[in-house]
Amino acid sequence: MLHHTMIVSFDAPIPDSDLDQYLKELEDLMMGSGHVRTFAARRHLRVPGDDHSPVFVSTAVIQFGLPDLDALNAVFALPGAGELIRRWQARHPYKAVWVNHEPLS
């Protein structure tokens, strides 16, 4: 089992309903692919120290569980993934960083 953990930071505040919709569309795409076994997403919990972040402050963290590297590579090439990203980037620009890793515990 592998995890793809993604941290997403929208450039400006995003309405809760829009964030919920983004996360739902991403979940539907990933879970419908047949490659992703688990999907979890949570909102970032803001604290005063976030004002001093050297990179950016997260809006949400998302984690996909995948069986192996082949499945991970397949989700990067999913039909519809590029369209989803372009549509949301046009509506609410964001940055994302991720790490691919084995389970932490």
C-alpha atoms as a PDB file:
ATOM      1  CA  MET A   1       0.000   0.000   0.000  1.00  0.00           C
ATOM      2  CA  LEU A   2       1.212   3.485  -0.921  1.00  0.00           C
ATOM      3  CA  HIS A   3      -0.125   6.919  -0.058  1.00  0.00           C
ATOM      4  CA  HIS A   4      -0.204  10.032  -2.189  1.00  0.00           C
ATOM      5  CA  THR A   5      -0.608  12.893   0.286  1.00  0.00           C
ATOM      6  CA  MET A   6      -1.360  16.244  -1.320  1.00  0.00           C
ATOM      7  CA  ILE A   7      -1.441  19.649   0.345  1.00  0.00           C
ATOM      8  CA  VAL A   8      -3.534  22.195  -1.537  1.00  0.00           C
ATOM      9  CA  SER A   9      -3.379  25.950  -0.973  1.00  0.00           C
ATOM     10  CA  PHE A  10      -5.842  28.211  -2.752  1.00  0.00           C
ATOM     11  CA  ASP A  11      -4.415  31.652  -3.545  1.00  0.00           C
ATOM     12  CA  ALA A  12      -7.425  33.446  -2.011  1.00  0.00           C
ATOM     13  CA  PRO A  13     -10.137  32.425   0.422  1.00  0.00           C
ATOM     14  CA  ILE A  14     -12.508  29.931  -1.178  1.00  0.00           C
ATOM     15  CA  PRO A  15     -16.154  29.554  -0.126  1.00  0.00           C
ATOM     16  CA  ASP A  16     -16.794  26.384   1.890  1.00  0.00           C
ATOM     17  CA  SER A  17     -19.297  25.178  -0.702  1.00  0.00           C
ATOM     18  CA  ASP A  18     -16.702  25.528  -3.491  1.00  0.00           C
ATOM     19  CA  LEU A  19     -14.038  23.707  -1.470  1.00  0.00           C
ATOM     20  CA  ASP A  20     -16.522  20.921  -0.723  1.00  0.00           C
ATOM     21  CA  GLN A  21     -17.328  20.676  -4.440  1.00  0.00           C
ATOM     22  CA  TYR A  22     -13.638  20.576  -5.441  1.00  0.00           C
ATOM     23  CA  LEU A  23     -12.936  17.812  -2.936  1.00  0.00           C
ATOM     24  CA  LYS A  24     -16.027  15.845  -4.020  1.00  0.00           C
ATOM     25  CA  GLU A  25     -15.117  16.068  -7.717  1.00  0.00           C
ATOM     26  CA  LEU A  26     -11.566  14.964  -6.948  1.00  0.00           C
ATOM     27  CA  GLU A  27     -12.818  12.077  -4.815  1.00  0.00           C
ATOM     28  CA  ASP A  28     -15.286  10.964  -7.499  1.00  0.00           C
ATOM     29  CA  LEU A  29     -12.578  11.022 -10.180  1.00  0.00           C
ATOM     30  CA  MET A  30     -10.021   9.165  -8.066  1.00  0.00           C
ATOM     31  CA  MET A  31     -12.376   6.553  -6.624  1.00  0.00           C
ATOM     32  CA  GLY A  32     -13.968   5.985 -10.025  1.00  0.00           C
ATOM     33  CA  SER A  33     -10.589   5.232 -11.569  1.00  0.00           C
ATOM     34  CA  GLY A  34     -10.294   1.739 -10.136  1.00  0.00           C
ATOM     35  CA  HIS A  35      -6.744   2.549  -9.027  1.00  0.00           C
ATOM     36  CA  VAL A  36      -7.437   4.289  -5.714  1.00  0.00           C
ATOM     37  CA  ARG A  37      -8.449   2.192  -2.703  1.00  0.00           C
ATOM     38  CA  THR A  38      -8.984   4.976  -0.175  1.00  0.00           C
ATOM     39  CA  PHE A  39      -9.576   8.724  -0.260  1.00  0.00           C
ATOM     40  CA  ALA A  40      -9.558  11.124   2.683  1.00  0.00           C
ATOM     41  CA  ALA A  41      -9.631  14.918   2.776  1.00  0.00           C
ATOM     42  CA  ARG A  42      -9.647  17.412   5.623  1.00  0.00           C
ATOM     43  CA  ARG A  43      -9.592  21.184   5.889  1.00  0.00           C
ATOM     44  CA  HIS A  44      -6.509  22.859   7.296  1.00  0.00           C
ATOM     45  CA  LEU A  45      -6.983  24.053  10.876  1.00  0.00           C
ATOM     46  CA  ARG A  46      -5.639  27.591  10.946  1.00  0.00           C
ATOM     47  CA  VAL A  47      -3.419  28.753  13.827  1.00  0.00           C
ATOM     48  CA  PRO A  48      -1.599  32.077  14.406  1.00  0.00           C
ATOM     49  CA  GLY A  49       1.740  30.507  13.405  1.00  0.00           C
ATOM     50  CA  ASP A  50       0.399  30.117   9.864  1.00  0.00           C
ATOM     51  CA  ASP A  51       1.120  33.832   9.354  1.00  0.00           C
ATOM     52  CA  HIS A  52       4.826  32.940   9.371  1.00  0.00           C
ATOM     53  CA  SER A  53       4.764  30.047   6.921  1.00  0.00           C
ATOM     54  CA  PRO A  54       7.816  30.251   4.643  1.00  0.00           C
ATOM     55  CA  VAL A  55       6.046  28.626   1.666  1.00  0.00           C
ATOM     56  CA  PHE A  56       2.238  28.785   1.825  1.00  0.00           C
ATOM     57  CA  VAL A  57      -0.606  27.928   4.153  1.00  0.00           C
ATOM     58  CA  SER A  58      -2.651  24.878   3.328  1.00  0.00           C
ATOM     59  CA  THR A  59      -6.361  24.999   2.560  1.00  0.00           C
ATOM     60  CA  ALA A  60      -6.808  21.227   2.687  1.00  0.00           C
ATOM     61  CA  VAL A  61      -4.898  17.974   2.894  1.00  0.00           C
ATOM     62  CA  ILE A  62      -5.911  15.055   0.694  1.00  0.00           C
ATOM     63  CA  GLN A  63      -4.676  11.476   0.821  1.00  0.00           C
ATOM     64  CA  PHE A  64      -5.171   8.679  -1.701  1.00  0.00           C
ATOM     65  CA  GLY A  65      -4.377   5.075  -0.815  1.00  0.00           C
ATOM     66  CA  LEU A  66      -3.079   3.020  -3.740  1.00  0.00           C
ATOM     67  CA  PRO A  67      -1.946  -0.590  -4.037  1.00  0.00           C
ATOM     68  CA  ASP A  68       1.378   0.062  -5.797  1.00  0.00           C
ATOM     69  CA  LEU A  69       3.518   2.367  -7.953  1.00  0.00           C
ATOM     70  CA  ASP A  70       1.755   1.309 -11.145  1.00  0.00           C
ATOM     71  CA  ALA A  71      -1.566   2.532  -9.717  1.00  0.00           C
ATOM     72  CA  LEU A  72       0.054   5.787  -8.582  1.00  0.00           C
ATOM     73  CA  ASN A  73       1.470   6.392 -12.055  1.00  0.00           C
ATOM     74  CA  ALA A  74      -1.925   5.606 -13.578  1.00  0.00           C
ATOM     75  CA  VAL A  75      -3.757   8.273 -11.551  1.00  0.00           C
ATOM     76  CA  PHE A  76      -1.383  10.954 -12.827  1.00  0.00           C
ATOM     77  CA  ALA A  77      -2.574  10.092 -16.360  1.00  0.00           C
ATOM     78  CA  LEU A  78      -6.294   9.671 -15.667  1.00  0.00           C
ATOM     79  CA  PRO A  79      -8.630  10.948 -18.364  1.00  0.00           C
ATOM     80  CA  GLY A  80     -10.409  13.955 -16.913  1.00  0.00           C
ATOM     81  CA  ALA A  81      -7.711  14.842 -14.379  1.00  0.00           C
ATOM     82  CA  GLY A  82      -6.208  17.621 -16.487  1.00  0.00           C
ATOM     83  CA  GLU A  83      -9.646  19.070 -17.209  1.00  0.00           C
ATOM     84  CA  LEU A  84     -10.573  19.045 -13.509  1.00  0.00           C
ATOM     85  CA  ILE A  85      -7.329  20.827 -12.595  1.00  0.00           C
ATOM     86  CA  ARG A  86      -7.667  23.431 -15.381  1.00  0.00           C
ATOM     87  CA  ARG A  87     -11.301  24.159 -14.513  1.00  0.00           C
ATOM     88  CA  TRP A  88     -10.596  24.655 -10.821  1.00  0.00           C
ATOM     89  CA  GLN A  89      -7.392  26.618 -11.464  1.00  0.00           C
ATOM     90  CA  ALA A  90      -9.396  29.009 -13.662  1.00  0.00           C
ATOM     91  CA  ARG A  91     -12.089  29.387 -11.019  1.00  0.00           C
ATOM     92  CA  HIS A  92      -9.915  29.440  -7.873  1.00  0.00           C
ATOM     93  CA  PRO A  93      -6.154  29.347  -8.528  1.00  0.00           C
ATOM     94  CA  TYR A  94      -4.220  27.085  -6.182  1.00  0.00           C
ATOM     95  CA  LYS A  95      -0.855  25.496  -5.555  1.00  0.00           C
ATOM     96  CA  ALA A  96      -0.256  21.899  -4.558  1.00  0.00           C
ATOM     97  CA  VAL A  97       2.641  19.921  -3.183  1.00  0.00           C
ATOM     98  CA  TRP A  98       2.634  16.224  -2.515  1.00  0.00           C
ATOM     99  CA  VAL A  99       4.578  13.329  -1.147  1.00  0.00           C
ATOM    100  CA  ASN A 100       4.323   9.697  -2.207  1.00  0.00           C
ATOM    101  CA  HIS A 101       5.056   7.370   0.687  1.00  0.00           C
ATOM    102  CA  GLU A 102       4.424   4.114   2.455  1.00  0.00           C
ATOM    103  CA  PRO A 103       2.000   4.218   5.423  1.00  0.00           C
ATOM    104  CA  LEU A 104       3.374   6.252   8.303  1.00  0.00           C
ATOM    105  CA  SER A 105       2.238   3.772  10.935  1.00  0.00           C
END
